Amino acid sequence: MLITGADGHDVDIAVLDRLLLRRDLPTLIRQRIEREIRNIRAGERAERDAAYQIELYFGQSENWATIHDLRIEVDGLAAQMDHLIINRFAEVWVCESKSFAEGVAINEHGEWSRRWRGHWEGMPSPIEQNRRHMHLLTRAFDEGLAPVPRRLGFAPMKPRLRSLVVVSDNATIKRPRTKIDELEQVIKAEQLKTRLFDAFDANPARDMLRVIGKEGLNTFARGLAALHTPTAVDWAAKFGVAGQPGDTASTVREPVAPVPNAPQRDKPWHVKYDGTCSTCGRQLRTGTEAVWLRSERKMYCLDCRPPVRPVTDTT
């Protein structure tokens, strides 16, 4: 089941194109902006290829839930995850999608390089990048910021996070001759279905005790999607040029859950996606009146709502 689709990058590209029209740009800055546009478009192609494979095989199934472009914040740190695929074993596959027009190489030390305009250049490891994303997602579970799945609707259990780096189908991947276990995480987009179905079938019989219901999967996935925190990029500031109106672009998708300054008893918040009360565990359906406590990033039913707290003026 598709929970949230991918954010578009049209707004970012439009802002960057507008920056290129400025006559006061130094040549070096102009080249950096042009490269940023190419990177965004390449990344968008990779995300689109992966999203197509994900939705083709998992998007219509009630046994799987899919989330695209999830950005979360924990203790001032942020993680932008390209794709999450969740099954009824409470396994969360965190997928980082990458596009390499001229190929990518990984050496025996796990170091990555990509080929650009006929030359090889070093790049950060997507495996390590995804590891940081999963670390922050784990912290969100541990600190109670993210909901956990419940077996039989009652017994909470910790999700199991799995990592994949999904490379566009037309990319050439040069792997080291020495086997490195973590490189098994690196696959082509067309291999997604086989990898996830094989891993699902490989679960031992005892793991059937972990299976959550279809409704529980839906509730868990929507609770994760509600953590999405959109961001805005000040492109002019990023490239060190004087800003003008319209130089900041925000993500197209709005937060799944609105973030009021404080709970209000006279105007309760209406639940956007199914979830559970953080105190009593009562299921709160979409449209139900509830309370969203920003400081704790938790949702409460009206019976369990915390006392109204004064709003601190930070201006």
Protein backbone atom coordinates (compact mmCIF):
# COMPACT_ATOMS: atom_id res chain seq x y z
CA MET A 1 0.00 0.00 0.00
CA LEU A 2 1.32 3.40 -0.94
CA ILE A 3 1.44 5.71 2.09
CA THR A 4 3.20 8.78 0.66
CA GLY A 5 4.61 9.49 -2.79
CA ALA A 6 7.89 11.15 -3.71
CA ASP A 7 8.44 14.88 -3.47
CA GLY A 8 9.13 16.67 -6.73
CA HIS A 9 12.22 18.78 -7.38
CA ASP A 10 10.70 21.16 -9.91
CA VAL A 11 10.67 24.05 -7.44
CA ASP A 12 14.37 23.63 -6.62
CA ILE A 13 15.34 23.46 -10.28
CA ALA A 14 13.24 26.53 -11.07
CA VAL A 15 15.01 28.52 -8.33
CA LEU A 16 18.42 27.38 -9.55
CA ASP A 17 17.54 28.22 -13.16
CA ARG A 18 16.52 31.68 -11.98
CA LEU A 19 19.88 32.07 -10.21
CA LEU A 20 21.67 31.26 -13.47
CA LEU A 21 19.96 34.25 -15.12
CA ARG A 22 21.73 36.65 -12.81
CA ARG A 23 24.55 38.57 -14.46
CA ASP A 24 26.54 39.06 -11.25
CA LEU A 25 27.47 35.38 -10.89
CA PRO A 26 31.18 34.49 -11.04
CA THR A 27 32.01 31.71 -13.50
CA LEU A 28 32.94 29.27 -10.73
CA ILE A 29 29.61 29.80 -8.93
CA ARG A 30 27.73 29.38 -12.20
CA GLN A 31 29.47 26.06 -12.81
CA ARG A 32 28.61 24.88 -9.30
CA ILE A 33 24.94 25.74 -9.82
CA GLU A 34 24.87 23.95 -13.16
CA ARG A 35 26.38 20.88 -11.52
CA GLU A 36 23.82 21.05 -8.71
CA ILE A 37 21.03 21.02 -11.29
CA ARG A 38 22.56 17.97 -13.00
CA ASN A 39 22.88 16.19 -9.65
CA ILE A 40 19.27 16.91 -8.72
CA ARG A 41 18.01 15.65 -12.06
CA ALA A 42 20.19 12.54 -11.86
CA GLY A 43 18.99 11.85 -8.33
CA GLU A 44 15.40 12.35 -9.41
CA ARG A 45 15.85 9.80 -12.20
CA ALA A 46 17.29 7.29 -9.75
CA GLU A 47 14.44 7.86 -7.29
CA ARG A 48 11.91 7.54 -10.10
CA ASP A 49 13.41 4.24 -11.30
CA ALA A 50 13.41 2.82 -7.79
CA ALA A 51 9.93 4.14 -7.00
CA TYR A 52 8.56 2.51 -10.17
CA GLN A 53 9.91 -0.90 -9.16
CA ILE A 54 8.71 -0.44 -5.59
CA GLU A 55 5.18 0.56 -6.53
CA LEU A 56 4.92 -2.06 -9.27
CA TYR A 57 5.44 -4.95 -6.86
CA PHE A 58 4.63 -3.57 -3.40
CA GLY A 59 2.44 -0.47 -3.77
CA GLN A 60 -0.84 -2.34 -4.27
CA SER A 61 -0.25 -5.09 -1.72
CA GLU A 62 -1.83 -4.95 1.72
CA ASN A 63 1.12 -6.97 3.04
CA TRP A 64 3.60 -4.18 2.26
CA ALA A 65 3.64 -0.43 2.88
CA THR A 66 5.72 2.08 0.92
CA ILE A 67 6.90 5.57 1.89
CA HIS A 68 8.95 7.87 -0.34
CA ASP A 69 11.03 10.92 0.59
CA LEU A 70 10.73 10.73 4.36
CA ARG A 71 12.67 13.40 6.24
CA ILE A 72 12.86 13.12 10.02
CA GLU A 73 14.54 15.21 12.70
CA VAL A 74 15.85 13.86 16.01
CA ASP A 75 17.63 16.07 18.56
CA GLY A 76 18.50 18.64 15.91
CA LEU A 77 19.81 16.06 13.43
CA ALA A 78 18.04 15.26 10.16
CA ALA A 79 17.85 12.22 7.88
CA GLN A 80 16.36 12.25 4.37
CA MET A 81 15.40 8.71 3.35
CA ASP A 82 14.55 8.08 -0.29
CA HIS A 83 12.31 5.02 0.14
CA LEU A 84 10.99 2.87 2.97
CA ILE A 85 9.43 -0.54 2.27
CA ILE A 86 7.74 -2.19 5.27
CA ASN A 87 6.36 -5.72 5.54
CA ARG A 88 4.21 -7.52 8.09
CA PHE A 89 7.28 -8.92 9.86
CA ALA A 90 7.88 -5.29 10.92
CA GLU A 91 10.97 -5.19 8.71
CA VAL A 92 11.72 -1.70 7.43
CA TRP A 93 13.87 -1.64 4.31
CA VAL A 94 15.58 1.75 4.11
CA CYS A 95 16.56 2.34 0.49
CA GLU A 96 19.01 4.94 -0.78
CA SER A 97 18.70 5.42 -4.56
CA LYS A 98 21.62 6.56 -6.71
CA SER A 99 22.21 7.32 -10.40
CA PHE A 100 25.61 7.07 -12.11
CA ALA A 101 25.60 8.05 -15.77
CA GLU A 102 29.20 6.94 -16.41
CA GLY A 103 29.60 4.27 -13.78
CA VAL A 104 30.68 3.76 -10.18
CA ALA A 105 33.50 1.79 -8.59
CA ILE A 106 34.00 0.41 -5.07
CA ASN A 107 37.39 -0.79 -3.88
CA GLU A 108 38.32 -3.48 -1.35
CA HIS A 109 38.26 -0.88 1.46
CA GLY A 110 34.65 0.06 0.75
CA GLU A 111 35.64 3.41 -0.77
CA TRP A 112 33.44 4.75 -3.57
CA SER A 113 34.37 6.60 -6.76
CA ARG A 114 32.23 7.75 -9.67
CA ARG A 115 33.18 8.51 -13.24
CA TRP A 116 32.35 11.97 -14.51
CA ARG A 117 33.38 13.36 -17.91
CA GLY A 118 35.90 10.60 -18.35
CA HIS A 119 37.58 11.04 -14.97
CA TRP A 120 37.21 9.22 -11.65
CA GLU A 121 36.47 11.21 -8.52
CA GLY A 122 35.89 10.17 -4.94
CA MET A 123 32.43 10.34 -3.38
CA PRO A 124 30.83 9.59 0.01
CA SER A 125 29.74 6.00 0.53
CA PRO A 126 25.96 5.59 0.14
CA ILE A 127 26.22 2.59 2.45
CA GLU A 128 27.59 4.78 5.24
CA GLN A 129 25.03 7.45 4.40
CA ASN A 130 22.22 4.95 4.76
CA ARG A 131 23.76 3.64 7.98
CA ARG A 132 23.49 7.16 9.45
CA HIS A 133 19.86 7.37 8.34
CA MET A 134 19.07 4.08 10.05
CA HIS A 135 20.90 5.15 13.21
CA LEU A 136 18.73 8.25 13.45
CA LEU A 137 15.57 6.26 12.73
CA THR A 138 16.56 3.82 15.50
CA ARG A 139 16.96 6.76 17.88
CA ALA A 140 13.49 7.96 16.91
CA PHE A 141 12.09 4.56 17.94
CA ASP A 142 14.15 4.38 21.13
CA GLU A 143 13.15 7.89 22.23
CA GLY A 144 9.46 7.31 21.54
CA LEU A 145 9.31 9.82 18.70
CA ALA A 146 8.30 7.19 16.17
CA PRO A 147 5.47 4.69 16.67
CA VAL A 148 6.24 0.99 16.95
CA PRO A 149 4.21 -1.83 15.39
CA ARG A 150 1.95 -3.87 17.64
CA ARG A 151 1.46 -7.59 17.31
CA LEU A 152 -2.22 -8.54 17.54
CA GLY A 153 -2.88 -4.83 18.02
CA PHE A 154 -1.53 -4.81 21.58
CA ALA A 155 2.01 -6.13 22.09
CA PRO A 156 4.59 -3.55 20.95
CA MET A 157 7.72 -4.78 19.21
CA LYS A 158 10.83 -3.13 17.85
CA PRO A 159 11.07 -2.90 14.04
CA ARG A 160 14.06 -4.46 12.29
CA LEU A 161 15.84 -2.08 9.94
CA ARG A 162 17.44 -3.36 6.74
CA SER A 163 19.59 -1.36 4.31
CA LEU A 164 19.72 -1.24 0.50
CA VAL A 165 21.51 1.03 -1.95
CA VAL A 166 19.49 0.99 -5.17
CA VAL A 167 21.48 1.95 -8.27
CA SER A 168 19.84 2.87 -11.59
CA ASP A 169 19.57 -0.04 -14.01
CA ASN A 170 21.78 1.47 -16.70
CA ALA A 171 24.73 2.16 -14.37
CA THR A 172 27.98 0.18 -14.52
CA ILE A 173 29.10 -1.04 -11.08
CA LYS A 174 32.75 -2.07 -10.64
CA ARG A 175 33.06 -4.21 -7.53
CA PRO A 176 36.30 -5.35 -5.86
CA ARG A 177 37.55 -8.88 -6.36
CA THR A 178 37.72 -9.29 -2.61
CA LYS A 179 34.28 -10.08 -1.22
CA ILE A 180 32.91 -7.42 1.12
CA ASP A 181 29.69 -8.47 2.85
CA GLU A 182 28.21 -4.98 3.02
CA LEU A 183 28.34 -4.67 -0.78
CA GLU A 184 25.48 -7.16 -0.93
CA GLN A 185 23.35 -4.14 -0.02
CA VAL A 186 24.14 -2.57 -3.42
CA ILE A 187 21.69 -3.71 -6.11
CA LYS A 188 20.13 -2.50 -9.35
CA ALA A 189 16.56 -1.18 -9.21
CA GLU A 190 15.36 -4.14 -11.28
CA GLN A 191 16.59 -6.52 -8.54
CA LEU A 192 14.42 -5.02 -5.79
CA LYS A 193 11.55 -7.46 -6.12
CA THR A 194 13.76 -10.57 -6.03
CA ARG A 195 15.88 -9.31 -3.12
CA LEU A 196 12.93 -8.42 -0.88
CA PHE A 197 10.84 -11.48 -1.70
CA ASP A 198 13.82 -13.80 -1.15
CA ALA A 199 14.59 -12.13 2.19
CA PHE A 200 10.92 -12.42 3.20
CA ASP A 201 10.82 -16.12 2.35
CA ALA A 202 14.06 -16.69 4.27
CA ASN A 203 12.53 -15.64 7.58
CA PRO A 204 12.45 -18.62 9.98
CA ALA A 205 9.12 -20.16 10.91
CA ARG A 206 9.38 -18.78 14.45
CA ASP A 207 9.17 -15.27 13.02
CA MET A 208 5.51 -15.91 12.23
CA LEU A 209 4.99 -14.85 15.85
CA ARG A 210 6.13 -11.37 14.79
CA VAL A 211 3.54 -10.96 12.05
CA ILE A 212 1.34 -7.89 12.44
CA GLY A 213 -2.10 -7.49 10.92
CA LYS A 214 -2.76 -5.58 7.72
CA GLU A 215 -4.45 -2.81 9.68
CA GLY A 216 -1.53 -2.74 12.10
CA LEU A 217 0.89 -2.39 9.20
CA ASN A 218 -1.15 0.48 7.82
CA THR A 219 -1.24 2.21 11.21
CA PHE A 220 2.49 1.75 11.78
CA ALA A 221 3.44 3.04 8.32
CA ARG A 222 1.18 6.07 8.56
CA GLY A 223 2.64 6.87 11.96
CA LEU A 224 6.10 6.86 10.41
CA ALA A 225 4.94 9.08 7.54
CA ALA A 226 3.56 11.54 10.08
CA LEU A 227 7.12 12.22 11.25
CA HIS A 228 7.95 13.89 7.94
CA THR A 229 9.42 17.36 8.48
CA PRO A 230 9.72 19.42 5.28
CA THR A 231 12.66 21.73 4.82
CA ALA A 232 13.52 24.81 2.79
CA VAL A 233 16.79 25.37 0.95
CA ASP A 234 18.17 28.89 0.62
CA TRP A 235 19.99 28.27 -2.65
CA ALA A 236 21.47 31.77 -2.88
CA ALA A 237 23.02 31.41 0.58
CA LYS A 238 24.30 27.93 -0.25
CA PHE A 239 26.28 29.31 -3.18
CA GLY A 240 27.40 32.45 -1.33
CA VAL A 241 25.56 35.05 -3.39
CA ALA A 242 23.23 37.84 -2.30
CA GLY A 243 19.68 36.60 -1.94
CA GLN A 244 16.61 37.86 -3.75
CA PRO A 245 12.91 37.06 -3.35
CA GLY A 246 12.21 33.55 -4.57
CA ASP A 247 15.70 32.18 -3.90
CA THR A 248 14.41 29.78 -1.25
CA ALA A 249 12.61 26.59 -2.22
CA SER A 250 10.68 24.30 0.09
CA THR A 251 9.66 20.72 -0.42
CA VAL A 252 6.36 20.34 -2.24
CA ARG A 253 4.81 17.93 0.27
CA GLU A 254 3.46 19.43 3.47
CA PRO A 255 4.04 17.70 6.81
CA VAL A 256 1.70 14.77 7.32
CA ALA A 257 0.87 16.01 10.81
CA PRO A 258 0.35 19.73 11.42
CA VAL A 259 2.55 21.25 14.11
CA PRO A 260 0.67 23.80 16.20
CA ASN A 261 2.49 25.89 18.82
CA ALA A 262 0.68 24.14 21.66
CA PRO A 263 -2.31 21.88 22.30
CA GLN A 264 -5.62 23.77 22.33
CA ARG A 265 -8.64 22.51 24.18
CA ASP A 266 -11.13 24.64 22.28
CA LYS A 267 -9.84 23.73 18.81
CA PRO A 268 -8.64 20.11 18.80
CA TRP A 269 -6.43 18.93 15.97
CA HIS A 270 -7.93 16.45 13.52
CA VAL A 271 -5.88 13.32 12.85
CA LYS A 272 -4.52 13.25 9.31
CA TYR A 273 -3.49 9.58 9.30
CA ASP A 274 -4.49 6.63 11.47
CA GLY A 275 -2.43 6.31 14.64
CA THR A 276 -2.62 5.52 18.35
CA CYS A 277 -2.82 7.57 21.53
CA SER A 278 0.63 7.79 23.17
CA THR A 279 -0.90 7.23 26.63
CA CYS A 280 -3.67 4.64 26.38
CA GLY A 281 -2.93 3.13 22.96
CA ARG A 282 -6.42 3.84 21.70
CA GLN A 283 -6.62 3.75 17.90
CA LEU A 284 -7.27 7.19 16.41
CA ARG A 285 -8.73 7.12 12.93
CA THR A 286 -8.27 9.79 10.28
CA GLY A 287 -10.48 12.76 11.07
CA THR A 288 -10.73 11.99 14.79
CA GLU A 289 -10.31 14.95 17.15
CA ALA A 290 -7.03 14.60 19.05
CA VAL A 291 -4.11 16.59 20.44
CA TRP A 292 -0.65 16.87 18.86
CA LEU A 293 2.05 17.85 21.36
CA ARG A 294 4.88 19.40 19.41
CA SER A 295 7.49 19.31 22.17
CA GLU A 296 7.12 15.53 22.48
CA ARG A 297 6.04 14.82 18.87
CA LYS A 298 3.26 12.66 20.27
CA MET A 299 -0.46 12.35 19.67
CA TYR A 300 -3.08 12.00 22.42
CA CYS A 301 -6.78 11.23 22.46
CA LEU A 302 -8.98 13.90 24.06
CA ASP A 303 -9.35 11.81 27.24
CA CYS A 304 -5.57 11.60 27.73
CA ARG A 305 -4.60 15.03 26.46
CA PRO A 306 -1.89 16.72 28.52
CA PRO A 307 -2.56 20.05 30.23
CA VAL A 308 -2.26 23.13 28.05
CA ARG A 309 1.23 24.55 28.32
CA PRO A 310 2.10 28.19 27.76
CA VAL A 311 3.78 28.99 24.47
CA THR A 312 7.30 30.32 24.87
CA ASP A 313 8.01 33.33 22.69
CA THR A 314 11.39 32.76 21.06
CA THR A 315 11.42 35.93 18.99
